[in-house]
All heavy atoms as atom14 arrays in JSON, in Angstrom:
{
  "sequence": "IVNGIFGVNTYLIIKGNECIIVDPGMDIASELI",
  "atom14_mask": [
    [1, 1, 1, 1, 1, 1, 1, 1, 0, 0, 0, 0, 0, 0],
    [1, 1, 1, 1, 1, 1, 1, 0, 0, 0, 0, 0, 0, 0],
    [1, 1, 1, 1, 1, 1, 1, 1, 0, 0, 0, 0, 0, 0],
    [1, 1, 1, 1, 0, 0, 0, 0, 0, 0, 0, 0, 0, 0],
    [1, 1, 1, 1, 1, 1, 1, 1, 0, 0, 0, 0, 0, 0],
    [1, 1, 1, 1, 1, 1, 1, 1, 1, 1, 1, 0, 0, 0],
    [1, 1, 1, 1, 0, 0, 0, 0, 0, 0, 0, 0, 0, 0],
    [1, 1, 1, 1, 1, 1, 1, 0, 0, 0, 0, 0, 0, 0],
    [1, 1, 1, 1, 1, 1, 1, 1, 0, 0, 0, 0, 0, 0],
    [1, 1, 1, 1, 1, 1, 1, 0, 0, 0, 0, 0, 0, 0],
    [1, 1, 1, 1, 1, 1, 1, 1, 1, 1, 1, 1, 0, 0],
    [1, 1, 1, 1, 1, 1, 1, 1, 0, 0, 0, 0, 0, 0],
    [1, 1, 1, 1, 1, 1, 1, 1, 0, 0, 0, 0, 0, 0],
    [1, 1, 1, 1, 1, 1, 1, 1, 0, 0, 0, 0, 0, 0],
    [1, 1, 1, 1, 1, 1, 1, 1, 1, 0, 0, 0, 0, 0],
    [1, 1, 1, 1, 0, 0, 0, 0, 0, 0, 0, 0, 0, 0],
    [1, 1, 1, 1, 1, 1, 1, 1, 0, 0, 0, 0, 0, 0],
    [1, 1, 1, 1, 1, 1, 1, 1, 1, 0, 0, 0, 0, 0],
    [1, 1, 1, 1, 1, 1, 0, 0, 0, 0, 0, 0, 0, 0],
    [1, 1, 1, 1, 1, 1, 1, 1, 0, 0, 0, 0, 0, 0],
    [1, 1, 1, 1, 1, 1, 1, 1, 0, 0, 0, 0, 0, 0],
    [1, 1, 1, 1, 1, 1, 1, 0, 0, 0, 0, 0, 0, 0],
    [1, 1, 1, 1, 1, 1, 1, 1, 0, 0, 0, 0, 0, 0],
    [1, 1, 1, 1, 1, 1, 1, 0, 0, 0, 0, 0, 0, 0],
    [1, 1, 1, 1, 0, 0, 0, 0, 0, 0, 0, 0, 0, 0],
    [1, 1, 1, 1, 1, 1, 1, 1, 0, 0, 0, 0, 0, 0],
    [1, 1, 1, 1, 1, 1, 1, 1, 0, 0, 0, 0, 0, 0],
    [1, 1, 1, 1, 1, 1, 1, 1, 0, 0, 0, 0, 0, 0],
    [1, 1, 1, 1, 1, 0, 0, 0, 0, 0, 0, 0, 0, 0],
    [1, 1, 1, 1, 1, 1, 0, 0, 0, 0, 0, 0, 0, 0],
    [1, 1, 1, 1, 1, 1, 1, 1, 1, 0, 0, 0, 0, 0],
    [1, 1, 1, 1, 1, 1, 1, 1, 0, 0, 0, 0, 0, 0],
    [1, 1, 1, 1, 1, 1, 1, 1, 0, 0, 0, 0, 0, 0]
  ],
  "atom14_positions": [
    [[-3.66, -6.38, -17.61], [-2.23, -6.39, -17.91], [-2.06, -6.71, -19.42], [-2.45, -7.8, -19.84], [-1.49, -7.43, -17.06], [-1.72, -7.2, -15.61], [0.03, -7.42, -17.4], [-1.18, -8.35, -14.73], [0.0, 0.0, 0.0], [0.0, 0.0, 0.0], [0.0, 0.0, 0.0], [0.0, 0.0, 0.0], [0.0, 0.0, 0.0], [0.0, 0.0, 0.0]],
    [[-1.51, -5.77, -20.16], [-1.25, -6.0, -21.58], [0.15, -6.58, -21.72], [1.12, -5.99, -21.24], [-1.37, -4.7, -22.39], [-1.14, -4.98, -23.88], [-2.75, -4.07, -22.17], [0.0, 0.0, 0.0], [0.0, 0.0, 0.0], [0.0, 0.0, 0.0], [0.0, 0.0, 0.0], [0.0, 0.0, 0.0], [0.0, 0.0, 0.0], [0.0, 0.0, 0.0]],
    [[0.3, -7.74, -22.37], [1.59, -8.38, -22.41], [1.75, -9.25, -23.68], [0.76, -9.57, -24.34], [1.84, -9.22, -21.17], [0.88, -10.39, -21.06], [1.26, -11.53, -21.3], [-0.37, -10.16, -20.67], [0.0, 0.0, 0.0], [0.0, 0.0, 0.0], [0.0, 0.0, 0.0], [0.0, 0.0, 0.0], [0.0, 0.0, 0.0], [0.0, 0.0, 0.0]],
    [[2.99, -9.6, -23.97], [3.3, -10.47, -25.1], [3.38, -9.7, -26.38], [2.95, -8.55, -26.5], [0.0, 0.0, 0.0], [0.0, 0.0, 0.0], [0.0, 0.0, 0.0], [0.0, 0.0, 0.0], [0.0, 0.0, 0.0], [0.0, 0.0, 0.0], [0.0, 0.0, 0.0], [0.0, 0.0, 0.0], [0.0, 0.0, 0.0], [0.0, 0.0, 0.0]],
    [[3.94, -10.32, -27.41], [4.14, -9.67, -28.7], [2.84, -9.38, -29.4], [2.79, -8.52, -30.3], [5.06, -10.54, -29.61], [4.42, -11.9, -29.88], [6.46, -10.64, -29.03], [5.22, -12.75, -30.89], [0.0, 0.0, 0.0], [0.0, 0.0, 0.0], [0.0, 0.0, 0.0], [0.0, 0.0, 0.0], [0.0, 0.0, 0.0], [0.0, 0.0, 0.0]],
    [[1.76, -10.02, -28.98], [0.47, -9.79, -29.62], [-0.42, -8.84, -28.79], [-1.58, -8.63, -29.12], [-0.29, -11.11, -29.88], [0.43, -12.01, -30.83], [1.1, -13.19, -30.35], [0.51, -11.72, -32.18], [1.74, -14.0, -31.23], [1.18, -12.54, -33.08], [1.81, -13.71, -32.59], [0.0, 0.0, 0.0], [0.0, 0.0, 0.0], [0.0, 0.0, 0.0]],
    [[0.14, -8.31, -27.69], [-0.61, -7.39, -26.87], [-1.87, -7.98, -26.28], [-2.95, -7.37, -26.3], [0.0, 0.0, 0.0], [0.0, 0.0, 0.0], [0.0, 0.0, 0.0], [0.0, 0.0, 0.0], [0.0, 0.0, 0.0], [0.0, 0.0, 0.0], [0.0, 0.0, 0.0], [0.0, 0.0, 0.0], [0.0, 0.0, 0.0], [0.0, 0.0, 0.0]],
    [[-1.79, -9.19, -25.74], [-2.96, -9.86, -25.18], [-3.33, -9.2, -23.85], [-2.45, -8.74, -23.1], [-2.72, -11.38, -24.98], [-1.68, -11.62, -23.9], [-4.03, -12.07, -24.64], [0.0, 0.0, 0.0], [0.0, 0.0, 0.0], [0.0, 0.0, 0.0], [0.0, 0.0, 0.0], [0.0, 0.0, 0.0], [0.0, 0.0, 0.0], [0.0, 0.0, 0.0]],
    [[-4.6, -9.11, -23.58], [-5.12, -8.58, -22.29], [-5.22, -9.76, -21.3], [-6.1, -10.63, -21.52], [-6.46, -7.92, -22.47], [-6.39, -6.62, -23.26], [-5.36, -5.99, -23.33], [-7.51, -6.26, -23.85], [0.0, 0.0, 0.0], [0.0, 0.0, 0.0], [0.0, 0.0, 0.0], [0.0, 0.0, 0.0], [0.0, 0.0, 0.0], [0.0, 0.0, 0.0]],
    [[-4.4, -9.77, -20.32], [-4.53, -10.7, -19.22], [-5.22, -9.95, -18.09], [-4.92, -8.8, -17.84], [-3.15, -11.19, -18.73], [-2.55, -12.01, -19.74], [-3.27, -12.02, -17.45], [0.0, 0.0, 0.0], [0.0, 0.0, 0.0], [0.0, 0.0, 0.0], [0.0, 0.0, 0.0], [0.0, 0.0, 0.0], [0.0, 0.0, 0.0], [0.0, 0.0, 0.0]],
    [[-6.16, -10.61, -17.45], [-6.93, -9.95, -16.38], [-6.72, -10.65, -15.04], [-6.71, -11.9, -14.97], [-8.42, -9.94, -16.7], [-8.75, -9.15, -17.95], [-8.99, -9.81, -19.14], [-8.8, -7.75, -17.94], [-9.3, -9.13, -20.3], [-9.09, -7.06, -19.09], [-9.34, -7.72, -20.28], [-9.65, -7.04, -21.42], [0.0, 0.0, 0.0], [0.0, 0.0, 0.0]],
    [[-6.52, -9.85, -14.0], [-6.5, -10.37, -12.63], [-7.78, -9.92, -11.95], [-8.06, -8.71, -11.89], [-5.3, -9.83, -11.85], [-3.9, -10.04, -12.45], [-2.87, -9.54, -11.44], [-3.65, -11.51, -12.75], [0.0, 0.0, 0.0], [0.0, 0.0, 0.0], [0.0, 0.0, 0.0], [0.0, 0.0, 0.0], [0.0, 0.0, 0.0], [0.0, 0.0, 0.0]],
    [[-8.56, -10.84, -11.47], [-9.79, -10.55, -10.74], [-9.45, -10.73, -9.25], [-9.11, -11.87, -8.84], [-10.95, -11.45, -11.12], [-11.12, -11.48, -12.67], [-12.25, -11.02, -10.48], [-11.98, -12.57, -13.18], [0.0, 0.0, 0.0], [0.0, 0.0, 0.0], [0.0, 0.0, 0.0], [0.0, 0.0, 0.0], [0.0, 0.0, 0.0], [0.0, 0.0, 0.0]],
    [[-9.47, -9.69, -8.48], [-8.81, -9.66, -7.18], [-9.86, -9.4, -6.06], [-10.7, -8.5, -6.18], [-7.75, -8.54, -7.13], [-6.67, -8.83, -8.21], [-7.09, -8.46, -5.74], [-5.82, -7.59, -8.51], [0.0, 0.0, 0.0], [0.0, 0.0, 0.0], [0.0, 0.0, 0.0], [0.0, 0.0, 0.0], [0.0, 0.0, 0.0], [0.0, 0.0, 0.0]],
    [[-9.76, -10.2, -5.02], [-10.47, -9.98, -3.76], [-9.49, -10.2, -2.63], [-9.04, -11.35, -2.43], [-11.66, -10.89, -3.61], [-12.87, -10.51, -4.43], [-14.08, -11.35, -4.05], [-15.31, -10.96, -4.86], [-16.5, -11.76, -4.49], [0.0, 0.0, 0.0], [0.0, 0.0, 0.0], [0.0, 0.0, 0.0], [0.0, 0.0, 0.0], [0.0, 0.0, 0.0]],
    [[-9.14, -9.15, -1.91], [-8.16, -9.28, -0.82], [-6.84, -9.75, -1.4], [-6.28, -9.11, -2.31], [0.0, 0.0, 0.0], [0.0, 0.0, 0.0], [0.0, 0.0, 0.0], [0.0, 0.0, 0.0], [0.0, 0.0, 0.0], [0.0, 0.0, 0.0], [0.0, 0.0, 0.0], [0.0, 0.0, 0.0], [0.0, 0.0, 0.0], [0.0, 0.0, 0.0]],
    [[-6.32, -10.84, -0.89], [-5.04, -11.35, -1.39], [-5.21, -12.55, -2.32], [-4.28, -13.26, -2.66], [-4.09, -11.75, -0.24], [-4.63, -12.96, 0.53], [-5.8, -13.28, 0.45], [-3.75, -13.64, 1.23], [0.0, 0.0, 0.0], [0.0, 0.0, 0.0], [0.0, 0.0, 0.0], [0.0, 0.0, 0.0], [0.0, 0.0, 0.0], [0.0, 0.0, 0.0]],
    [[-6.45, -12.78, -2.79], [-6.75, -13.88, -3.67], [-7.07, -13.32, -5.09], [-7.62, -12.21, -5.21], [-7.93, -14.72, -3.19], [-7.69, -15.38, -1.84], [-8.86, -16.21, -1.38], [-10.01, -15.83, -1.77], [-8.67, -17.14, -0.64], [0.0, 0.0, 0.0], [0.0, 0.0, 0.0], [0.0, 0.0, 0.0], [0.0, 0.0, 0.0], [0.0, 0.0, 0.0]],
    [[-6.74, -14.09, -6.12], [-7.06, -13.65, -7.44], [-7.32, -14.81, -8.39], [-6.86, -15.95, -8.17], [-6.0, -12.72, -8.0], [-4.56, -13.51, -8.74], [0.0, 0.0, 0.0], [0.0, 0.0, 0.0], [0.0, 0.0, 0.0], [0.0, 0.0, 0.0], [0.0, 0.0, 0.0], [0.0, 0.0, 0.0], [0.0, 0.0, 0.0], [0.0, 0.0, 0.0]],
    [[-8.04, -14.54, -9.42], [-8.27, -15.42, -10.58], [-7.59, -14.75, -11.74], [-7.7, -13.55, -11.97], [-9.77, -15.56, -10.89], [-10.56, -16.03, -9.65], [-9.97, -16.52, -12.07], [-10.38, -17.46, -9.25], [0.0, 0.0, 0.0], [0.0, 0.0, 0.0], [0.0, 0.0, 0.0], [0.0, 0.0, 0.0], [0.0, 0.0, 0.0], [0.0, 0.0, 0.0]],
    [[-6.89, -15.56, -12.57], [-6.25, -15.04, -13.77], [-7.08, -15.46, -15.0], [-7.39, -16.65, -15.13], [-4.84, -15.52, -13.94], [-3.97, -15.12, -12.72], [-4.19, -15.01, -15.22], [-2.54, -15.67, -12.76], [0.0, 0.0, 0.0], [0.0, 0.0, 0.0], [0.0, 0.0, 0.0], [0.0, 0.0, 0.0], [0.0, 0.0, 0.0], [0.0, 0.0, 0.0]],
    [[-7.39, -14.54, -15.86], [-8.02, -14.82, -17.15], [-6.99, -14.63, -18.24], [-6.42, -13.56, -18.43], [-9.25, -13.91, -17.39], [-9.87, -14.24, -18.75], [-10.26, -14.01, -16.27], [0.0, 0.0, 0.0], [0.0, 0.0, 0.0], [0.0, 0.0, 0.0], [0.0, 0.0, 0.0], [0.0, 0.0, 0.0], [0.0, 0.0, 0.0], [0.0, 0.0, 0.0]],
    [[-6.73, -15.71, -18.99], [-5.84, -15.7, -20.16], [-4.42, -15.18, -19.84], [-4.05, -14.07, -20.2], [-6.45, -14.88, -21.3], [-7.6, -15.58, -21.99], [-7.86, -16.76, -21.68], [-8.26, -14.94, -22.81], [0.0, 0.0, 0.0], [0.0, 0.0, 0.0], [0.0, 0.0, 0.0], [0.0, 0.0, 0.0], [0.0, 0.0, 0.0], [0.0, 0.0, 0.0]],
    [[-3.63, -16.01, -19.14], [-2.24, -15.61, -18.84], [-1.37, -15.56, -20.08], [-1.07, -16.58, -20.67], [-1.78, -16.69, -17.87], [-2.58, -17.91, -18.23], [-3.91, -17.37, -18.68], [0.0, 0.0, 0.0], [0.0, 0.0, 0.0], [0.0, 0.0, 0.0], [0.0, 0.0, 0.0], [0.0, 0.0, 0.0], [0.0, 0.0, 0.0], [0.0, 0.0, 0.0]],
    [[-0.97, -14.35, -20.48], [-0.17, -14.17, -21.68], [1.28, -14.65, -21.48], [1.72, -14.97, -20.38], [0.0, 0.0, 0.0], [0.0, 0.0, 0.0], [0.0, 0.0, 0.0], [0.0, 0.0, 0.0], [0.0, 0.0, 0.0], [0.0, 0.0, 0.0], [0.0, 0.0, 0.0], [0.0, 0.0, 0.0], [0.0, 0.0, 0.0], [0.0, 0.0, 0.0]],
    [[2.02, -14.66, -22.56], [3.36, -15.26, -22.56], [4.34, -14.52, -21.67], [5.26, -15.11, -21.12], [3.88, -15.32, -23.99], [3.06, -16.13, -24.94], [3.67, -16.1, -26.63], [5.12, -17.16, -26.51], [0.0, 0.0, 0.0], [0.0, 0.0, 0.0], [0.0, 0.0, 0.0], [0.0, 0.0, 0.0], [0.0, 0.0, 0.0], [0.0, 0.0, 0.0]],
    [[4.15, -13.22, -21.49], [5.1, -12.41, -20.74], [4.51, -11.88, -19.44], [4.97, -10.87, -18.91], [5.61, -11.23, -21.58], [6.33, -11.69, -22.85], [7.0, -12.74, -22.78], [6.22, -11.0, -23.89], [0.0, 0.0, 0.0], [0.0, 0.0, 0.0], [0.0, 0.0, 0.0], [0.0, 0.0, 0.0], [0.0, 0.0, 0.0], [0.0, 0.0, 0.0]],
    [[3.51, -12.55, -18.94], [2.89, -12.1, -17.69], [3.94, -12.16, -16.54], [4.78, -13.08, -16.5], [1.66, -12.98, -17.35], [0.93, -12.4, -16.16], [2.05, -14.44, -17.08], [-0.4, -13.11, -15.88], [0.0, 0.0, 0.0], [0.0, 0.0, 0.0], [0.0, 0.0, 0.0], [0.0, 0.0, 0.0], [0.0, 0.0, 0.0], [0.0, 0.0, 0.0]],
    [[3.9, -11.17, -15.66], [4.86, -11.1, -14.58], [4.44, -12.06, -13.46], [3.95, -11.69, -12.41], [4.91, -9.65, -14.04], [0.0, 0.0, 0.0], [0.0, 0.0, 0.0], [0.0, 0.0, 0.0], [0.0, 0.0, 0.0], [0.0, 0.0, 0.0], [0.0, 0.0, 0.0], [0.0, 0.0, 0.0], [0.0, 0.0, 0.0], [0.0, 0.0, 0.0]],
    [[4.65, -13.34, -13.73], [4.12, -14.4, -12.88], [4.67, -14.38, -11.47], [3.94, -14.56, -10.51], [4.37, -15.76, -13.51], [5.74, -15.94, -13.77], [0.0, 0.0, 0.0], [0.0, 0.0, 0.0], [0.0, 0.0, 0.0], [0.0, 0.0, 0.0], [0.0, 0.0, 0.0], [0.0, 0.0, 0.0], [0.0, 0.0, 0.0], [0.0, 0.0, 0.0]],
    [[5.95, -14.09, -11.32], [6.55, -14.1, -9.98], [6.02, -12.99, -9.13], [5.76, -13.17, -7.92], [8.09, -14.05, -10.06], [8.7, -15.31, -10.66], [8.28, -16.58, -9.92], [8.28, -16.59, -8.7], [7.9, -17.55, -10.63], [0.0, 0.0, 0.0], [0.0, 0.0, 0.0], [0.0, 0.0, 0.0], [0.0, 0.0, 0.0], [0.0, 0.0, 0.0]],
    [[5.83, -11.82, -9.72], [5.27, -10.69, -8.97], [3.83, -11.0, -8.55], [3.43, -10.63, -7.44], [5.29, -9.43, -9.81], [6.7, -8.82, -10.09], [6.59, -7.62, -11.03], [7.37, -8.44, -8.79], [0.0, 0.0, 0.0], [0.0, 0.0, 0.0], [0.0, 0.0, 0.0], [0.0, 0.0, 0.0], [0.0, 0.0, 0.0], [0.0, 0.0, 0.0]],
    [[3.08, -11.64, -9.45], [1.71, -12.0, -9.1], [1.66, -12.97, -7.95], [0.9, -12.82, -6.99], [0.98, -12.54, -10.35], [0.79, -11.44, -11.38], [-0.39, -13.17, -9.98], [0.3, -11.96, -12.74], [0.0, 0.0, 0.0], [0.0, 0.0, 0.0], [0.0, 0.0, 0.0], [0.0, 0.0, 0.0], [0.0, 0.0, 0.0], [0.0, 0.0, 0.0]]
  ]
}
């Protein structure tokens, strides 16, 4: 997920309905996640 004014790459590592977030950017769609 590319987000924020600096275009940071946030990554979701997903297995089933569980996930790990790597580097949550300022504009990450947190509620949807």
